[in-house]
């Protein structure tokens, strides 16, 4: 999704929720953080909003979800998530990135890009692995930082799934001929004690 569409969606979600601080997780969090947006970010028509405690996700679905008039008109939609839906590395709240609007004020907050990649790793879908591999081409993405955030996932309730997710990433890196990153991932996999 393009930045303009995302900002329109953020404004709609802010209006619907009346929350002062909106947090975007998932691939759309890349906006405003990296110098080149991966294909999955631009192709996506949804933005994931982390709304713990909001408790009225049906309102968001009605107003700007995939079946809404907003989606029919603009071609993008909001996916409200609770805190238990997405696996995040410890300390993610302290690393949130303010994304400035045209007035130079935080328009919304984004999950820091390395935290996003770690979260995508745990989601483990094909599109998540594609996102991570494409991120490795950005100068704003540091693979070692990503691995350190992935290590923090050992403290999550989903820690047992981390080795298999790293293995999936290794296979994708091999296909992408990113042998240096494949090697780092293999070394990281050897250190895991779940």
Protein backbone atom coordinates (compact mmCIF):
# COMPACT_ATOMS: atom_id res chain seq x y z
CA UNK A 1 0.00 0.00 0.00
CA UNK A 2 1.22 3.47 -0.81
CA UNK A 3 1.91 5.95 1.99
CA UNK A 4 -1.03 8.18 0.99
CA UNK A 5 -3.47 5.25 1.27
CA UNK A 6 -2.00 4.24 4.62
CA UNK A 7 -2.35 7.75 6.00
CA UNK A 8 -5.97 7.85 4.87
CA UNK A 9 -6.57 4.52 6.62
CA UNK A 10 -4.81 5.72 9.80
CA UNK A 11 -7.05 8.80 9.85
CA UNK A 12 -10.13 6.61 9.49
CA UNK A 13 -9.07 4.23 12.28
CA UNK A 14 -8.23 7.20 14.53
CA UNK A 15 -11.69 8.64 13.87
CA UNK A 16 -13.41 5.31 14.56
CA UNK A 17 -11.45 4.40 17.70
CA UNK A 18 -10.87 7.87 19.16
CA UNK A 19 -7.49 6.57 20.34
CA UNK A 20 -4.73 9.14 20.60
CA UNK A 21 -1.94 6.75 19.74
CA UNK A 22 -2.28 4.20 16.97
CA UNK A 23 0.35 1.48 16.57
CA UNK A 24 0.88 -0.27 13.27
CA UNK A 25 2.53 -3.68 13.22
CA UNK A 26 3.12 -5.92 10.22
CA UNK A 27 4.58 -4.96 6.88
CA UNK A 28 3.06 -1.47 6.80
CA UNK A 29 5.26 -0.51 9.74
CA UNK A 30 8.08 -0.23 7.18
CA UNK A 31 6.71 3.12 6.01
CA UNK A 32 8.88 5.94 7.25
CA UNK A 33 11.62 3.64 8.54
CA UNK A 34 13.49 2.19 5.61
CA UNK A 35 14.87 3.74 2.46
CA UNK A 36 13.22 1.26 0.08
CA UNK A 37 9.86 -0.43 0.53
CA UNK A 38 9.79 -4.17 -0.22
CA UNK A 39 7.24 -5.47 -2.71
CA UNK A 40 5.05 -7.10 -0.03
CA UNK A 41 4.56 -3.69 1.60
CA UNK A 42 3.44 -2.04 -1.62
CA UNK A 43 1.26 -4.98 -2.74
CA UNK A 44 -0.55 -5.34 0.57
CA UNK A 45 -4.05 -3.92 0.89
CA UNK A 46 -4.29 -4.29 4.68
CA UNK A 47 -2.64 -2.62 7.65
CA UNK A 48 -2.45 -4.32 11.03
CA UNK A 49 -3.30 -2.04 13.96
CA UNK A 50 -2.31 -3.20 17.44
CA UNK A 51 -5.26 -2.18 19.62
CA UNK A 52 -4.94 -3.96 22.97
CA UNK A 53 -7.88 -3.29 25.21
CA UNK A 54 -9.96 -1.57 22.53
CA UNK A 55 -12.43 -4.44 22.63
CA UNK A 56 -14.64 -3.24 19.78
CA UNK A 57 -12.92 -4.61 16.72
CA UNK A 58 -16.30 -5.16 15.11
CA UNK A 59 -16.63 -1.36 14.88
CA UNK A 60 -13.38 -1.21 12.91
CA UNK A 61 -14.48 -4.11 10.73
CA UNK A 62 -17.73 -2.31 9.98
CA UNK A 63 -16.16 1.07 9.27
CA UNK A 64 -12.87 0.17 7.54
CA UNK A 65 -12.58 -3.61 7.38
CA UNK A 66 -12.48 -5.82 4.26
CA UNK A 67 -16.28 -5.75 3.84
CA UNK A 68 -16.67 -2.01 4.50
CA UNK A 69 -17.63 0.86 2.22
CA UNK A 70 -14.21 2.35 3.00
CA UNK A 71 -12.50 -0.67 1.45
CA UNK A 72 -14.84 -0.60 -1.54
CA UNK A 73 -13.97 3.05 -2.13
CA UNK A 74 -10.24 3.10 -1.31
CA UNK A 75 -9.07 -0.50 -1.80
CA UNK A 76 -7.33 -0.78 1.60
CA UNK A 77 -8.55 -1.96 4.97
CA UNK A 78 -7.62 -2.14 8.66
CA UNK A 79 -7.05 -5.36 10.56
CA UNK A 80 -7.39 -4.78 14.33
CA UNK A 81 -5.19 -7.03 16.47
CA UNK A 82 -5.12 -7.67 20.18
CA UNK A 83 -1.88 -8.12 22.09
CA UNK A 84 -2.21 -11.93 22.12
CA UNK A 85 -2.41 -12.28 18.34
CA UNK A 86 1.07 -11.13 17.41
CA UNK A 87 4.36 -12.38 18.90
CA UNK A 88 6.68 -9.49 19.70
CA UNK A 89 10.21 -9.34 21.12
CA UNK A 90 10.60 -8.14 24.70
CA UNK A 91 10.98 -4.38 24.94
CA UNK A 92 9.19 -3.59 21.67
CA UNK A 93 7.16 -0.81 23.31
CA UNK A 94 10.34 1.16 24.04
CA UNK A 95 11.43 0.93 20.40
CA UNK A 96 8.24 2.15 18.72
CA UNK A 97 8.96 4.65 15.96
CA UNK A 98 6.86 7.80 15.61
CA UNK A 99 5.88 8.38 11.99
CA UNK A 100 5.47 12.09 11.39
CA UNK A 101 2.57 13.60 9.51
CA UNK A 102 2.75 16.59 7.17
CA UNK A 103 2.71 18.93 10.20
CA UNK A 104 5.81 17.25 11.68
CA UNK A 105 3.88 15.62 14.54
CA UNK A 106 3.52 11.88 15.20
CA UNK A 107 0.61 10.75 13.04
CA UNK A 108 0.97 7.17 14.20
CA UNK A 109 3.52 4.81 15.72
CA UNK A 110 5.16 1.90 13.96
CA UNK A 111 6.71 -1.24 15.31
CA UNK A 112 10.46 -0.80 14.83
CA UNK A 113 11.52 -2.57 11.60
CA UNK A 114 13.72 -5.22 13.26
CA UNK A 115 10.93 -6.00 15.73
CA UNK A 116 8.56 -6.23 12.75
CA UNK A 117 10.88 -8.72 11.05
CA UNK A 118 11.12 -10.81 14.23
CA UNK A 119 7.34 -10.83 14.51
CA UNK A 120 7.04 -11.82 10.86
CA UNK A 121 9.52 -14.62 11.48
CA UNK A 122 7.23 -16.06 14.15
CA UNK A 123 4.17 -15.74 11.91
CA UNK A 124 6.11 -18.00 9.55
CA UNK A 125 3.97 -17.70 6.43
CA UNK A 126 5.48 -17.64 2.95
CA UNK A 127 4.70 -13.93 2.61
CA UNK A 128 6.41 -13.24 5.95
CA UNK A 129 9.60 -14.96 4.86
CA UNK A 130 9.47 -13.08 1.54
CA UNK A 131 9.15 -9.82 3.49
CA UNK A 132 12.24 -10.59 5.61
CA UNK A 133 14.32 -11.64 2.61
CA UNK A 134 13.36 -8.47 0.74
CA UNK A 135 14.20 -6.37 3.81
CA UNK A 136 17.75 -7.68 3.67
CA UNK A 137 18.26 -5.59 0.52
CA UNK A 138 17.59 -2.35 2.41
CA UNK A 139 20.51 -0.37 3.83
CA UNK A 140 18.24 0.52 6.77
CA UNK A 141 17.92 -3.12 7.82
CA UNK A 142 20.68 -4.81 9.82
CA UNK A 143 20.52 -8.60 9.82
CA UNK A 144 22.50 -8.94 13.06
CA UNK A 145 20.03 -6.63 14.83
CA UNK A 146 17.20 -8.74 13.44
CA UNK A 147 18.80 -11.91 14.84
CA UNK A 148 19.24 -10.27 18.25
CA UNK A 149 15.52 -9.38 18.25
CA UNK A 150 14.70 -12.93 17.19
CA UNK A 151 16.72 -14.13 20.19
CA UNK A 152 14.44 -12.09 22.46
CA UNK A 153 11.56 -14.24 21.21
CA UNK A 154 12.97 -17.10 23.30
CA UNK A 155 11.27 -15.34 26.22
CA UNK A 156 7.86 -15.50 24.53
CA UNK A 157 5.22 -18.18 25.01
CA UNK A 158 5.89 -19.27 21.41
CA UNK A 159 9.63 -19.87 21.88
CA UNK A 160 9.40 -23.53 20.90
CA UNK A 161 8.48 -22.50 17.35
CA UNK A 162 11.56 -20.33 16.81
CA UNK A 163 13.94 -23.03 15.50
CA UNK A 164 11.50 -24.19 12.84
CA UNK A 165 10.89 -20.58 11.76
CA UNK A 166 14.64 -19.96 11.47
CA UNK A 167 14.87 -23.11 9.35
CA UNK A 168 12.17 -21.74 7.01
CA UNK A 169 14.11 -18.49 6.73
CA UNK A 170 17.32 -20.36 5.97
CA UNK A 171 15.59 -22.15 3.10
CA UNK A 172 14.32 -18.84 1.70
CA UNK A 173 17.76 -17.23 2.01
CA UNK A 174 19.27 -20.22 0.19
CA UNK A 175 16.80 -19.82 -2.69
CA UNK A 176 17.54 -16.07 -2.77
CA UNK A 177 21.28 -16.87 -2.90
CA UNK A 178 21.96 -14.82 0.24
CA UNK A 179 24.68 -17.21 1.38
CA UNK A 180 26.21 -14.78 3.88
CA UNK A 181 22.87 -14.36 5.67
CA UNK A 182 22.10 -18.06 5.34
CA UNK A 183 25.37 -18.80 7.12
CA UNK A 184 24.58 -16.31 9.92
CA UNK A 185 21.14 -17.86 10.34
CA UNK A 186 22.61 -21.36 10.56
CA UNK A 187 25.00 -20.18 13.28
CA UNK A 188 22.10 -18.55 15.10
CA UNK A 189 20.05 -21.76 14.84
CA UNK A 190 22.89 -23.70 16.52
CA UNK A 191 22.77 -21.36 19.53
CA UNK A 192 19.08 -21.90 20.23
CA UNK A 193 18.24 -23.91 23.31
CA UNK A 194 14.47 -24.11 23.55
